[in-house]
């Protein structure tokens, strides 16, 4: 049976790890952030933090807060014809509403970790590490500006990621019934 999962959570919660575990089970990944990179390349702009932010804001300004869901609908539909799909990068409440309307069977999985745990993870990551102040600022921005709390609150399942990867894998297995 084909499934459509959307993984949601704040930065440092472990969304990428959950997406990898789901991909290992044969799901095709649709990475919403890939749209930003595609659009930068179309406009012959360098891929960097500044241009990525500019493009994300432009896409949302031009297409609304549901931009990434709307622009990725054809990719999601095409991938679902072939098998199960996991969405990496669903952020806004508006994206959630567009996807739920189009795919009522979509299952949303929230990955949650405490602010302290997420801050520790984000401080130690090799690419773009963040200070605790930057983590808090980003959290607030994502909740207030991207309306990210709605999809997390409406999740069908919640993975509490305070332990190790083996614990997360057990929770993913329970959700996927494998």
N, C-alpha and C. Protein backbone atom coordinates (compact mmCIF):
# COMPACT_ATOMS: atom_id res chain seq x y z
N UNK A 1 0.83 -1.18 0.00
CA UNK A 1 0.00 0.00 0.00
C UNK A 1 0.88 1.25 0.00
N UNK A 2 0.62 2.16 -0.92
CA UNK A 2 1.39 3.40 -0.99
C UNK A 2 1.03 4.32 0.17
N UNK A 3 2.05 4.98 0.69
CA UNK A 3 1.85 5.91 1.79
C UNK A 3 2.47 7.25 1.44
N UNK A 4 1.91 8.31 2.02
CA UNK A 4 2.48 9.64 1.93
C UNK A 4 2.69 10.13 3.36
N UNK A 5 3.96 10.33 3.73
CA UNK A 5 4.32 10.84 5.04
C UNK A 5 4.90 12.24 4.88
N UNK A 6 4.61 13.10 5.84
CA UNK A 6 5.27 14.41 5.91
C UNK A 6 5.93 14.48 7.29
N UNK A 7 7.22 14.78 7.31
CA UNK A 7 7.97 14.87 8.55
C UNK A 7 8.09 16.35 8.92
N UNK A 8 7.68 16.69 10.15
CA UNK A 8 7.71 18.08 10.60
C UNK A 8 8.43 18.16 11.94
N UNK A 9 8.96 19.34 12.25
CA UNK A 9 9.62 19.56 13.53
C UNK A 9 10.52 20.77 13.45
N UNK A 10 10.89 21.27 14.60
CA UNK A 10 11.78 22.43 14.67
C UNK A 10 13.22 22.04 14.35
N UNK A 11 14.07 23.01 14.04
CA UNK A 11 15.47 22.72 13.73
C UNK A 11 16.15 21.96 14.87
N UNK A 12 16.89 20.91 14.50
CA UNK A 12 17.62 20.13 15.48
C UNK A 12 16.81 19.03 16.14
N UNK A 13 15.56 18.89 15.72
CA UNK A 13 14.72 17.86 16.34
C UNK A 13 15.08 16.45 15.86
N UNK A 14 15.66 16.36 14.67
CA UNK A 14 16.02 15.05 14.11
C UNK A 14 15.21 14.66 12.89
N UNK A 15 14.60 15.63 12.25
CA UNK A 15 13.79 15.36 11.06
C UNK A 15 14.59 14.62 9.99
N UNK A 16 15.81 15.08 9.73
CA UNK A 16 16.63 14.47 8.67
C UNK A 16 16.92 13.01 8.96
N UNK A 17 17.16 12.69 10.23
CA UNK A 17 17.41 11.29 10.60
C UNK A 17 16.18 10.44 10.36
N UNK A 18 15.00 10.97 10.71
CA UNK A 18 13.77 10.22 10.49
C UNK A 18 13.53 10.04 8.99
N UNK A 19 13.76 11.08 8.19
CA UNK A 19 13.59 10.98 6.75
C UNK A 19 14.50 9.88 6.19
N UNK A 20 15.76 9.85 6.64
CA UNK A 20 16.69 8.81 6.18
C UNK A 20 16.17 7.42 6.51
N UNK A 21 15.66 7.23 7.72
CA UNK A 21 15.13 5.92 8.13
C UNK A 21 13.93 5.52 7.27
N UNK A 22 13.09 6.48 6.93
CA UNK A 22 11.93 6.20 6.09
C UNK A 22 12.38 5.88 4.66
N UNK A 23 13.35 6.64 4.17
CA UNK A 23 13.90 6.37 2.82
C UNK A 23 14.48 4.96 2.74
N UNK A 24 15.16 4.52 3.79
CA UNK A 24 15.73 3.18 3.82
C UNK A 24 14.66 2.10 3.68
N UNK A 25 13.44 2.44 3.95
CA UNK A 25 12.32 1.50 3.83
C UNK A 25 11.63 1.62 2.46
N UNK A 26 12.28 2.32 1.52
CA UNK A 26 11.80 2.36 0.15
C UNK A 26 10.96 3.56 -0.24
N UNK A 27 10.81 4.53 0.64
CA UNK A 27 10.05 5.72 0.31
C UNK A 27 10.91 6.66 -0.55
N UNK A 28 10.28 7.27 -1.55
CA UNK A 28 10.95 8.32 -2.32
C UNK A 28 10.85 9.62 -1.53
N UNK A 29 11.92 10.41 -1.53
CA UNK A 29 11.93 11.67 -0.78
C UNK A 29 11.65 12.84 -1.71
N UNK A 30 10.73 13.69 -1.27
CA UNK A 30 10.50 14.98 -1.91
C UNK A 30 10.99 16.02 -0.91
N UNK A 31 12.07 16.70 -1.25
CA UNK A 31 12.68 17.69 -0.37
C UNK A 31 12.22 19.07 -0.81
N UNK A 32 11.36 19.69 0.00
CA UNK A 32 10.80 20.99 -0.36
C UNK A 32 11.89 22.03 -0.57
N UNK A 33 12.96 21.98 0.21
CA UNK A 33 14.05 22.93 0.07
C UNK A 33 14.75 22.84 -1.27
N UNK A 34 14.61 21.70 -1.94
CA UNK A 34 15.19 21.54 -3.27
C UNK A 34 14.64 22.54 -4.27
N UNK A 35 13.40 22.98 -4.03
CA UNK A 35 12.78 23.97 -4.91
C UNK A 35 13.58 25.28 -4.87
N UNK A 36 14.08 25.64 -3.70
CA UNK A 36 14.88 26.86 -3.55
C UNK A 36 16.13 26.76 -4.42
N UNK A 37 16.82 25.63 -4.35
CA UNK A 37 18.05 25.41 -5.12
C UNK A 37 17.75 25.43 -6.62
N UNK A 38 16.66 24.77 -7.02
CA UNK A 38 16.28 24.75 -8.44
C UNK A 38 16.05 26.17 -8.96
N UNK A 39 15.33 26.97 -8.20
CA UNK A 39 15.02 28.33 -8.64
C UNK A 39 16.28 29.20 -8.70
N UNK A 40 17.20 29.01 -7.76
CA UNK A 40 18.47 29.75 -7.80
C UNK A 40 19.24 29.40 -9.07
N UNK A 41 19.30 28.11 -9.39
CA UNK A 41 20.02 27.67 -10.58
C UNK A 41 19.37 28.21 -11.85
N UNK A 42 18.02 28.22 -11.86
CA UNK A 42 17.30 28.77 -13.03
C UNK A 42 17.67 30.23 -13.26
N UNK A 43 17.91 30.96 -12.17
CA UNK A 43 18.25 32.39 -12.27
C UNK A 43 19.76 32.62 -12.25
N UNK A 44 20.54 31.54 -12.38
CA UNK A 44 22.00 31.61 -12.39
C UNK A 44 22.58 32.35 -11.19
N UNK A 45 22.00 32.07 -10.03
CA UNK A 45 22.49 32.67 -8.78
C UNK A 45 23.26 31.64 -7.98
N UNK A 46 24.26 32.10 -7.28
CA UNK A 46 25.07 31.23 -6.43
C UNK A 46 24.21 30.67 -5.30
N UNK A 47 24.44 29.39 -5.00
CA UNK A 47 23.73 28.76 -3.88
C UNK A 47 24.51 29.08 -2.61
N UNK A 48 23.94 29.97 -1.81
CA UNK A 48 24.54 30.31 -0.51
C UNK A 48 23.40 30.74 0.42
N UNK A 49 23.71 30.89 1.70
CA UNK A 49 22.69 31.19 2.71
C UNK A 49 21.90 32.45 2.36
N UNK A 50 22.59 33.50 1.93
CA UNK A 50 21.93 34.77 1.62
C UNK A 50 20.95 34.61 0.45
N UNK A 51 21.41 33.98 -0.64
CA UNK A 51 20.54 33.80 -1.80
C UNK A 51 19.40 32.83 -1.52
N UNK A 52 19.68 31.81 -0.71
CA UNK A 52 18.62 30.86 -0.36
C UNK A 52 17.51 31.57 0.41
N UNK A 53 17.87 32.39 1.38
CA UNK A 53 16.87 33.13 2.16
C UNK A 53 16.07 34.06 1.23
N UNK A 54 16.78 34.78 0.36
CA UNK A 54 16.12 35.69 -0.58
C UNK A 54 15.12 34.92 -1.44
N UNK A 55 15.52 33.74 -1.94
CA UNK A 55 14.65 32.97 -2.82
C UNK A 55 13.45 32.40 -2.06
N UNK A 56 13.67 31.91 -0.84
CA UNK A 56 12.54 31.42 -0.04
C UNK A 56 11.51 32.52 0.18
N UNK A 57 11.99 33.71 0.52
CA UNK A 57 11.09 34.83 0.75
C UNK A 57 10.38 35.24 -0.54
N UNK A 58 11.10 35.22 -1.65
CA UNK A 58 10.51 35.57 -2.94
C UNK A 58 9.42 34.56 -3.33
N UNK A 59 9.72 33.28 -3.16
CA UNK A 59 8.72 32.26 -3.52
C UNK A 59 7.46 32.41 -2.68
N UNK A 60 7.63 32.68 -1.40
CA UNK A 60 6.45 32.85 -0.54
C UNK A 60 5.73 34.16 -0.84
N UNK A 61 6.47 35.18 -1.20
CA UNK A 61 5.85 36.46 -1.57
C UNK A 61 5.03 36.28 -2.87
N UNK A 62 5.61 35.56 -3.83
CA UNK A 62 4.96 35.39 -5.14
C UNK A 62 3.84 34.36 -5.13
N UNK A 63 3.98 33.32 -4.30
CA UNK A 63 3.03 32.19 -4.34
C UNK A 63 2.28 31.98 -3.02
N UNK A 64 2.54 32.82 -2.02
CA UNK A 64 1.86 32.68 -0.74
C UNK A 64 2.60 31.73 0.19
N UNK A 65 2.09 31.61 1.40
CA UNK A 65 2.74 30.79 2.42
C UNK A 65 2.69 29.30 2.10
N UNK A 66 1.85 28.92 1.17
CA UNK A 66 1.77 27.51 0.76
C UNK A 66 2.65 27.22 -0.46
N UNK A 67 3.55 28.13 -0.78
CA UNK A 67 4.34 28.05 -2.01
C UNK A 67 5.00 26.69 -2.22
N UNK A 68 5.68 26.20 -1.21
CA UNK A 68 6.44 24.97 -1.39
C UNK A 68 5.53 23.76 -1.62
N UNK A 69 4.40 23.73 -0.96
CA UNK A 69 3.44 22.64 -1.20
C UNK A 69 2.88 22.75 -2.61
N UNK A 70 2.44 23.94 -2.98
CA UNK A 70 1.84 24.16 -4.30
C UNK A 70 2.82 23.85 -5.41
N UNK A 71 4.03 24.35 -5.31
CA UNK A 71 5.03 24.15 -6.36
C UNK A 71 5.51 22.70 -6.45
N UNK A 72 5.42 21.96 -5.35
CA UNK A 72 5.87 20.56 -5.35
C UNK A 72 4.76 19.55 -5.62
N UNK A 73 3.52 20.00 -5.78
CA UNK A 73 2.42 19.07 -6.03
C UNK A 73 2.68 18.13 -7.21
N UNK A 74 3.15 18.65 -8.36
CA UNK A 74 3.40 17.73 -9.48
C UNK A 74 4.44 16.65 -9.14
N UNK A 75 5.48 17.00 -8.42
CA UNK A 75 6.51 16.02 -8.03
C UNK A 75 5.93 14.97 -7.09
N UNK A 76 5.12 15.42 -6.15
CA UNK A 76 4.52 14.48 -5.19
C UNK A 76 3.61 13.51 -5.92
N UNK A 77 2.75 14.04 -6.79
CA UNK A 77 1.82 13.18 -7.54
C UNK A 77 2.57 12.17 -8.40
N UNK A 78 3.61 12.63 -9.09
CA UNK A 78 4.39 11.72 -9.94
C UNK A 78 5.07 10.64 -9.11
N UNK A 79 5.64 11.02 -7.98
CA UNK A 79 6.32 10.03 -7.13
C UNK A 79 5.34 9.03 -6.54
N UNK A 80 4.13 9.48 -6.19
CA UNK A 80 3.13 8.57 -5.63
C UNK A 80 2.65 7.53 -6.64
N UNK A 81 2.76 7.85 -7.93
CA UNK A 81 2.39 6.86 -8.95
C UNK A 81 3.33 5.66 -8.90
N UNK A 82 4.55 5.90 -8.42
CA UNK A 82 5.57 4.84 -8.39
C UNK A 82 5.64 4.12 -7.05
N UNK A 83 5.22 4.77 -5.96
CA UNK A 83 5.33 4.14 -4.65
C UNK A 83 5.11 5.13 -3.52
N UNK A 84 5.55 4.74 -2.35
CA UNK A 84 5.38 5.58 -1.16
C UNK A 84 6.34 6.77 -1.18
N UNK A 85 5.92 7.86 -0.52
CA UNK A 85 6.66 9.12 -0.56
C UNK A 85 6.77 9.70 0.84
N UNK A 86 7.95 10.28 1.13
CA UNK A 86 8.14 11.04 2.36
C UNK A 86 8.48 12.47 1.98
N UNK A 87 7.78 13.42 2.59
CA UNK A 87 8.02 14.84 2.36
C UNK A 87 8.93 15.36 3.45
N UNK A 88 10.04 15.96 3.03
CA UNK A 88 11.02 16.55 3.93
C UNK A 88 10.96 18.06 3.73
N UNK A 89 10.48 18.77 4.73
CA UNK A 89 10.50 20.22 4.62
C UNK A 89 9.14 20.89 4.66
N UNK A 90 8.09 20.17 5.03
CA UNK A 90 6.79 20.82 5.24
C UNK A 90 6.91 21.70 6.48
N UNK A 91 6.69 22.98 6.32
CA UNK A 91 6.83 23.89 7.45
C UNK A 91 5.54 24.59 7.82
N UNK A 92 4.93 25.28 6.89
CA UNK A 92 3.86 26.21 7.25
C UNK A 92 2.50 25.53 7.38
N UNK A 93 1.64 26.16 8.17
CA UNK A 93 0.26 25.73 8.32
C UNK A 93 -0.43 25.74 6.96
N UNK A 94 -0.13 26.75 6.15
CA UNK A 94 -0.74 26.87 4.83
C UNK A 94 -0.33 25.71 3.92
N UNK A 95 0.93 25.29 4.00
CA UNK A 95 1.38 24.12 3.23
C UNK A 95 0.63 22.88 3.68
N UNK A 96 0.50 22.74 4.99
CA UNK A 96 -0.22 21.61 5.56
C UNK A 96 -1.64 21.55 5.00
N UNK A 97 -2.34 22.70 5.00
CA UNK A 97 -3.72 22.72 4.53
C UNK A 97 -3.83 22.34 3.05
N UNK A 98 -2.93 22.84 2.21
CA UNK A 98 -2.94 22.49 0.79
C UNK A 98 -2.72 20.99 0.61
N UNK A 99 -1.75 20.44 1.31
CA UNK A 99 -1.45 19.02 1.16
C UNK A 99 -2.55 18.13 1.71
N UNK A 100 -3.13 18.50 2.85
CA UNK A 100 -4.22 17.70 3.43
C UNK A 100 -5.44 17.70 2.52
N UNK A 101 -5.70 18.84 1.86
CA UNK A 101 -6.83 18.90 0.93
C UNK A 101 -6.57 18.01 -0.28
N UNK A 102 -5.35 18.07 -0.80
CA UNK A 102 -4.98 17.29 -1.99
C UNK A 102 -4.79 15.80 -1.67
N UNK A 103 -4.25 15.52 -0.49
CA UNK A 103 -3.93 14.15 -0.08
C UNK A 103 -4.47 13.90 1.33
N UNK A 104 -5.78 13.68 1.47
CA UNK A 104 -6.33 13.50 2.82
C UNK A 104 -5.72 12.32 3.58
N UNK A 105 -5.14 11.40 2.84
CA UNK A 105 -4.52 10.22 3.46
C UNK A 105 -3.12 10.49 4.00
N UNK A 106 -2.59 11.69 3.75
CA UNK A 106 -1.24 12.03 4.21
C UNK A 106 -1.14 11.87 5.73
N UNK A 107 -0.06 11.24 6.16
CA UNK A 107 0.22 11.06 7.58
C UNK A 107 1.35 12.00 7.96
N UNK A 108 1.12 12.81 8.98
CA UNK A 108 2.11 13.77 9.44
C UNK A 108 2.78 13.21 10.69
N UNK A 109 4.11 13.22 10.66
CA UNK A 109 4.91 12.74 11.78
C UNK A 109 5.74 13.90 12.31
N UNK A 110 5.48 14.28 13.56
CA UNK A 110 6.25 15.34 14.20
C UNK A 110 7.44 14.72 14.92
N UNK A 111 8.59 15.33 14.75
CA UNK A 111 9.79 14.91 15.48
C UNK A 111 10.07 16.02 16.48
N UNK A 112 10.07 15.67 17.75
CA UNK A 112 10.21 16.66 18.81
C UNK A 112 11.39 16.35 19.71
N UNK A 113 12.03 17.39 20.16
CA UNK A 113 13.10 17.31 21.16
C UNK A 113 13.06 18.61 21.94
N UNK A 114 13.54 18.57 23.15
CA UNK A 114 13.53 19.76 23.99
C UNK A 114 14.42 20.85 23.40
N UNK A 115 14.15 22.10 23.74
CA UNK A 115 15.02 23.18 23.26
C UNK A 115 16.49 22.95 23.65
N UNK A 116 16.73 22.44 24.84
CA UNK A 116 18.11 22.19 25.28
C UNK A 116 18.79 21.14 24.38
N UNK A 117 18.09 20.06 24.10
CA UNK A 117 18.64 19.00 23.24
C UNK A 117 18.90 19.54 21.83
N UNK A 118 17.92 20.25 21.29
CA UNK A 118 18.08 20.79 19.93
C UNK A 118 19.21 21.80 19.87
N UNK A 119 19.34 22.63 20.89
CA UNK A 119 20.40 23.63 20.93
C UNK A 119 21.77 22.95 20.94
N UNK A 120 21.90 21.90 21.73
CA UNK A 120 23.16 21.14 21.79
C UNK A 120 23.49 20.54 20.42
N UNK A 121 22.52 19.96 19.78
CA UNK A 121 22.73 19.36 18.45
C UNK A 121 23.13 20.42 17.43
N UNK A 122 22.42 21.54 17.43
CA UNK A 122 22.70 22.57 16.43
C UNK A 122 24.03 23.27 16.67
N UNK A 123 24.48 23.31 17.91
CA UNK A 123 25.78 23.92 18.22
C UNK A 123 26.93 23.04 17.74
N UNK A 124 26.69 21.72 17.68
CA UNK A 124 27.78 20.80 17.33
C UNK A 124 27.73 20.31 15.89
N UNK A 125 26.78 20.79 15.11
CA UNK A 125 26.74 20.31 13.72
C UNK A 125 27.89 20.93 12.93
N UNK A 126 28.43 20.18 11.97
CA UNK A 126 29.61 20.66 11.24
C UNK A 126 29.33 21.83 10.29
N UNK A 127 28.13 21.89 9.74
CA UNK A 127 27.80 22.96 8.79
C UNK A 127 26.86 23.94 9.48
N UNK A 128 27.20 25.21 9.47
CA UNK A 128 26.42 26.29 10.05
C UNK A 128 25.98 26.02 11.49
N UNK A 129 26.94 25.79 12.40
CA UNK A 129 26.55 25.61 13.80
C UNK A 129 25.90 26.89 14.35
N UNK A 130 25.01 26.72 15.31
CA UNK A 130 24.28 27.86 15.87
C UNK A 130 24.53 28.00 17.37
N UNK A 131 24.54 29.23 17.84
CA UNK A 131 24.62 29.49 19.28
C UNK A 131 23.22 29.29 19.87
N UNK A 132 23.12 29.14 21.20
CA UNK A 132 21.79 29.02 21.81
C UNK A 132 20.88 30.21 21.48
N UNK A 133 21.44 31.39 21.40
CA UNK A 133 20.65 32.58 21.06
C UNK A 133 20.13 32.49 19.63
N UNK A 134 20.97 32.01 18.73
CA UNK A 134 20.54 31.85 17.34
C UNK A 134 19.46 30.77 17.21
N UNK A 135 19.58 29.72 18.00
CA UNK A 135 18.57 28.65 17.98
C UNK A 135 17.23 29.23 18.42
N UNK A 136 17.23 29.97 19.53
CA UNK A 136 15.98 30.53 20.01
C UNK A 136 15.39 31.51 19.00
N UNK A 137 16.21 32.34 18.41
CA UNK A 137 15.74 33.29 17.41
C UNK A 137 15.13 32.56 16.21
N UNK A 138 15.80 31.51 15.77
CA UNK A 138 15.29 30.74 14.62
C UNK A 138 13.98 30.04 14.97
N UNK A 139 13.92 29.47 16.17
CA UNK A 139 12.67 28.83 16.61
C UNK A 139 11.52 29.82 16.56
N UNK A 140 11.71 30.99 17.17
CA UNK A 140 10.65 31.99 17.21
C UNK A 140 10.26 32.40 15.80
N UNK A 141 11.25 32.61 14.95
CA UNK A 141 10.96 33.02 13.57
C UNK A 141 10.17 31.95 12.84
N UNK A 142 10.54 30.70 13.03
CA UNK A 142 9.85 29.62 12.32
C UNK A 142 8.42 29.44 12.84
N UNK A 143 8.23 29.65 14.12
CA UNK A 143 6.88 29.54 14.68
C UNK A 143 6.04 30.75 14.28
N UNK A 144 6.60 31.95 14.40
CA UNK A 144 5.84 33.17 14.14
C UNK A 144 5.72 33.51 12.66
N UNK A 145 6.80 33.37 11.91
CA UNK A 145 6.80 33.80 10.51
C UNK A 145 6.40 32.70 9.54
N UNK A 146 6.77 31.47 9.84
CA UNK A 146 6.44 30.35 8.95
C UNK A 146 5.21 29.58 9.40
N UNK A 147 4.67 29.96 10.56
CA UNK A 147 3.47 29.29 11.07
C UNK A 147 3.71 27.79 11.23
N UNK A 148 4.90 27.43 11.73
CA UNK A 148 5.34 26.04 11.78
C UNK A 148 4.68 25.23 12.90
N UNK A 149 4.13 25.88 13.90
CA UNK A 149 3.57 25.13 15.02
C UNK A 149 2.33 24.34 14.63
N UNK A 150 1.54 24.84 13.71
CA UNK A 150 0.30 24.17 13.32
C UNK A 150 0.50 22.74 12.85
N UNK A 151 1.36 22.50 11.86
CA UNK A 151 1.57 21.12 11.41
C UNK A 151 2.13 20.21 12.52
N UNK A 152 2.94 20.76 13.39
CA UNK A 152 3.48 19.96 14.50
C UNK A 152 2.34 19.58 15.44
N UNK A 153 1.48 20.53 15.75
CA UNK A 153 0.36 20.27 16.65
C UNK A 153 -0.64 19.29 16.06
N UNK A 154 -0.80 19.28 14.74
CA UNK A 154 -1.79 18.42 14.08
C UNK A 154 -1.22 17.07 13.65
N UNK A 155 0.00 16.77 14.03
CA UNK A 155 0.64 15.52 13.60
C UNK A 155 -0.17 14.30 14.03
N UNK A 156 -0.16 13.31 13.16
CA UNK A 156 -0.81 12.03 13.46
C UNK A 156 0.01 11.20 14.44
N UNK A 157 1.32 11.38 14.38
CA UNK A 157 2.25 10.67 15.26
C UNK A 157 3.32 11.65 15.72
N UNK A 158 3.86 11.40 16.91
CA UNK A 158 4.95 12.21 17.43
C UNK A 158 6.09 11.30 17.85
N UNK A 159 7.27 11.59 17.34
CA UNK A 159 8.48 10.90 17.74
C UNK A 159 9.20 11.81 18.72
N UNK A 160 9.41 11.32 19.93
CA UNK A 160 10.17 12.08 20.92
C UNK A 160 11.62 11.64 20.76
N UNK A 161 12.45 12.58 20.33
CA UNK A 161 13.85 12.27 20.00
C UNK A 161 14.80 12.86 21.05
N UNK A 162 14.81 12.25 22.20
CA UNK A 162 15.72 12.66 23.27
C UNK A 162 16.79 11.61 23.52
N UNK A 163 16.67 10.47 22.86
CA UNK A 163 17.61 9.37 23.08
C UNK A 163 18.56 9.19 21.92
N UNK A 164 18.83 7.92 21.62
CA UNK A 164 19.76 7.62 20.53
C UNK A 164 19.00 7.23 19.26
N UNK A 165 19.74 7.00 18.20
CA UNK A 165 19.15 6.69 16.90
C UNK A 165 18.37 5.37 16.94
N UNK A 166 18.82 4.42 17.74
CA UNK A 166 18.11 3.14 17.85
C UNK A 166 16.70 3.35 18.39
N UNK A 167 16.55 4.28 19.33
CA UNK A 167 15.24 4.58 19.89
C UNK A 167 14.34 5.22 18.82
N UNK A 168 14.90 6.11 18.03
CA UNK A 168 14.14 6.75 16.95
C UNK A 168 13.72 5.69 15.93
N UNK A 169 14.63 4.79 15.61
CA UNK A 169 14.32 3.74 14.64
C UNK A 169 13.16 2.86 15.13
N UNK A 170 13.12 2.56 16.41
CA UNK A 170 12.00 1.77 16.98
C UNK A 170 10.69 2.53 16.80
N UNK A 171 10.71 3.84 17.05
CA UNK A 171 9.50 4.63 16.91
C UNK A 171 9.04 4.70 15.45
N UNK A 172 9.99 4.83 14.51
CA UNK A 172 9.65 4.83 13.09
C UNK A 172 9.04 3.48 12.71
N UNK A 173 9.62 2.40 13.18
CA UNK A 173 9.09 1.06 12.88
C UNK A 173 7.65 0.90 13.37
N UNK A 174 7.37 1.41 14.55
CA UNK A 174 6.00 1.34 15.09
C UNK A 174 5.03 2.12 14.21
N UNK A 175 5.44 3.30 13.76
CA UNK A 175 4.58 4.13 12.92
C UNK A 175 4.31 3.45 11.58
N UNK A 176 5.35 2.85 11.00
CA UNK A 176 5.22 2.21 9.68
C UNK A 176 4.74 0.76 9.77
N UNK A 177 4.54 0.27 10.97
CA UNK A 177 4.10 -1.12 11.19
C UNK A 177 5.02 -2.13 10.51
N UNK A 178 6.34 -1.92 10.66
CA UNK A 178 7.26 -2.90 10.05
C UNK A 178 8.15 -3.56 11.09
